[in-house]
C-alpha atoms as a PDB file:
ATOM      1  CA  MET A   1     -17.607 -13.070  17.384  1.00  0.00           C
ATOM      2  CA  ILE A   2     -17.694 -11.430  14.000  1.00  0.00           C
ATOM      3  CA  ASP A   3     -19.793 -13.249  11.432  1.00  0.00           C
ATOM      4  CA  PHE A   4     -18.029 -14.207   8.190  1.00  0.00           C
ATOM      5  CA  LEU A   5     -20.427 -11.964   6.271  1.00  0.00           C
ATOM      6  CA  GLY A   6     -19.115  -8.996   8.262  1.00  0.00           C
ATOM      7  CA  THR A   7     -15.576  -9.556   6.989  1.00  0.00           C
ATOM      8  CA  PRO A   8     -15.788  -7.018   4.122  1.00  0.00           C
ATOM      9  CA  LEU A   9     -16.964  -4.392   6.595  1.00  0.00           C
ATOM     10  CA  ILE A  10     -14.099  -5.158   8.968  1.00  0.00           C
ATOM     11  CA  VAL A  11     -11.592  -4.925   6.106  1.00  0.00           C
ATOM     12  CA  ASP A  12     -13.074  -1.636   4.881  1.00  0.00           C
ATOM     13  CA  VAL A  13     -13.025  -0.155   8.393  1.00  0.00           C
ATOM     14  CA  LEU A  14      -9.412  -1.257   8.964  1.00  0.00           C
ATOM     15  CA  ARG A  15      -8.266   0.217   5.668  1.00  0.00           C
ATOM     16  CA  THR A  16     -10.119   3.471   6.314  1.00  0.00           C
ATOM     17  CA  ILE A  17      -8.486   3.817   9.731  1.00  0.00           C
ATOM     18  CA  ARG A  18      -5.091   2.926   8.241  1.00  0.00           C
ATOM     19  CA  ASP A  19      -5.586   5.753   5.736  1.00  0.00           C
ATOM     20  CA  GLY A  20      -6.179   8.164   8.629  1.00  0.00           C
ATOM     21  CA  ARG A  21      -9.872   8.777   7.968  1.00  0.00           C
ATOM     22  CA  PRO A  22     -12.776   8.381  10.373  1.00  0.00           C
ATOM     23  CA  PRO A  23     -14.916   5.444   9.194  1.00  0.00           C
ATOM     24  CA  ARG A  24     -18.082   7.558   9.351  1.00  0.00           C
ATOM     25  CA  GLU A  25     -16.589   9.930   6.737  1.00  0.00           C
ATOM     26  CA  ASN A  26     -15.933   7.155   4.224  1.00  0.00           C
ATOM     27  CA  PRO A  27     -18.772   7.202   1.660  1.00  0.00           C
ATOM     28  CA  ASP A  28     -18.196   3.503   0.888  1.00  0.00           C
ATOM     29  CA  LEU A  29     -19.125   2.613   4.472  1.00  0.00           C
ATOM     30  CA  CYS A  30     -22.454   4.480   4.445  1.00  0.00           C
ATOM     31  CA  ARG A  31     -24.257   1.386   3.214  1.00  0.00           C
ATOM     32  CA  TYR A  32     -23.381  -0.426   6.447  1.00  0.00           C
ATOM     33  CA  GLY A  33     -25.151   2.084   8.719  1.00  0.00           C
ATOM     34  CA  ASP A  34     -24.762   1.411  12.449  1.00  0.00           C
ATOM     35  CA  ALA A  35     -22.785  -1.766  11.742  1.00  0.00           C
ATOM     36  CA  VAL A  36     -19.718   0.472  11.325  1.00  0.00           C
ATOM     37  CA  ASP A  37     -19.834   1.331  15.040  1.00  0.00           C
ATOM     38  CA  VAL A  38     -20.221  -2.357  15.902  1.00  0.00           C
ATOM     39  CA  ALA A  39     -17.201  -3.170  13.713  1.00  0.00           C
ATOM     40  CA  VAL A  40     -15.105  -0.456  15.391  1.00  0.00           C
ATOM     41  CA  ASP A  41     -16.134  -1.768  18.826  1.00  0.00           C
ATOM     42  CA  ALA A  42     -15.195  -5.326  17.802  1.00  0.00           C
ATOM     43  CA  LEU A  43     -11.835  -4.179  16.431  1.00  0.00           C
ATOM     44  CA  ALA A  44     -11.128  -2.237  19.629  1.00  0.00           C
ATOM     45  CA  ALA A  45     -12.089  -5.250  21.758  1.00  0.00           C
ATOM     46  CA  ALA A  46      -9.793  -7.455  19.645  1.00  0.00           C
ATOM     47  CA  GLY A  47      -6.911  -5.007  20.126  1.00  0.00           C
ATOM     48  CA  ALA A  48      -6.608  -4.031  16.468  1.00  0.00           C
ATOM     49  CA  VAL A  49      -7.719  -0.420  16.987  1.00  0.00           C
ATOM     50  CA  CYS A  50      -7.100   2.150  19.720  1.00  0.00           C
ATOM     51  CA  ARG A  51      -9.262   5.151  20.478  1.00  0.00           C
ATOM     52  CA  HIS A  52      -7.578   8.440  21.343  1.00  0.00           C
ATOM     53  CA  PRO A  53      -9.349  11.668  22.318  1.00  0.00           C
ATOM     54  CA  GLY A  54     -10.224  13.407  19.076  1.00  0.00           C
ATOM     55  CA  ALA A  55      -8.683  16.788  18.430  1.00  0.00           C
ATOM     56  CA  GLN A  56     -10.025  16.996  14.875  1.00  0.00           C
ATOM     57  CA  HIS A  57     -13.630  16.096  15.728  1.00  0.00           C
ATOM     58  CA  PRO A  58     -14.603  17.095  19.267  1.00  0.00           C
ATOM     59  CA  GLY A  59     -16.493  14.327  21.030  1.00  0.00           C
ATOM     60  CA  GLU A  60     -15.404  11.736  18.469  1.00  0.00           C
ATOM     61  CA  PRO A  61     -12.285   9.692  19.216  1.00  0.00           C
ATOM     62  CA  THR A  62      -9.451   9.418  16.739  1.00  0.00           C
ATOM     63  CA  LEU A  63      -8.969   5.793  15.711  1.00  0.00           C
ATOM     64  CA  VAL A  64      -5.504   4.383  15.084  1.00  0.00           C
ATOM     65  CA  LEU A  65      -4.320   0.911  14.236  1.00  0.00           C
ATOM     66  CA  THR A  66      -2.304  -0.993  16.787  1.00  0.00           C
ATOM     67  CA  THR A  67       0.566  -3.261  15.782  1.00  0.00           C
ATOM     68  CA  LYS A  68      -1.976  -6.062  15.546  1.00  0.00           C
ATOM     69  CA  GLY A  69      -4.224  -3.949  13.310  1.00  0.00           C
ATOM     70  CA  ARG A  70      -1.335  -3.090  10.988  1.00  0.00           C
ATOM     71  CA  LEU A  71      -0.458  -6.788  10.761  1.00  0.00           C
ATOM     72  CA  VAL A  72      -4.049  -7.681   9.882  1.00  0.00           C
ATOM     73  CA  CYS A  73      -4.074  -4.989   7.174  1.00  0.00           C
ATOM     74  CA  SER A  74      -0.841  -6.267   5.661  1.00  0.00           C
ATOM     75  CA  LEU A  75      -2.169  -9.845   5.670  1.00  0.00           C
ATOM     76  CA  VAL A  76      -5.399  -8.718   4.015  1.00  0.00           C
ATOM     77  CA  ASP A  77      -3.376  -6.844   1.380  1.00  0.00           C
ATOM     78  CA  GLU A  78      -1.392 -10.035   0.700  1.00  0.00           C
ATOM     79  CA  VAL A  79      -4.543 -12.121   0.307  1.00  0.00           C
ATOM     80  CA  VAL A  80      -6.346  -9.545  -1.844  1.00  0.00           C
ATOM     81  CA  GLY A  81      -3.253  -9.166  -4.035  1.00  0.00           C
ATOM     82  CA  PHE A  82      -2.764 -12.949  -4.290  1.00  0.00           C
ATOM     83  CA  ASP A  83      -2.436 -14.138  -7.890  1.00  0.00           C
ATOM     84  CA  PHE A  84      -4.074 -17.550  -8.173  1.00  0.00           C
ATOM     85  CA  ASP A  85      -2.626 -18.256 -11.630  1.00  0.00           C
ATOM     86  CA  GLU A  86       0.893 -17.689 -10.356  1.00  0.00           C
ATOM     87  CA  ALA A  87       0.385 -20.055  -7.408  1.00  0.00           C
ATOM     88  CA  CYS A  88      -0.670 -23.072  -9.502  1.00  0.00           C
END
């Protein structure tokens, strides 16, 4: 189970993968250290991310979002872009 406090990390990892970048190459994720690997493992176990053999970085898998991962990203984008003033 992913702790609520890990949610920003999960969102950052999902968005990085969606943008086609390896999470370890995202400077914003450096502050999380080894937690990035834990987040990727949790996302893979949840079916939001797939690992494919990496052609760009030998020995490192390429990460891609599954349909579920793309749905989560779109829902996060909706929530982050939510205008509270407009809703009231």
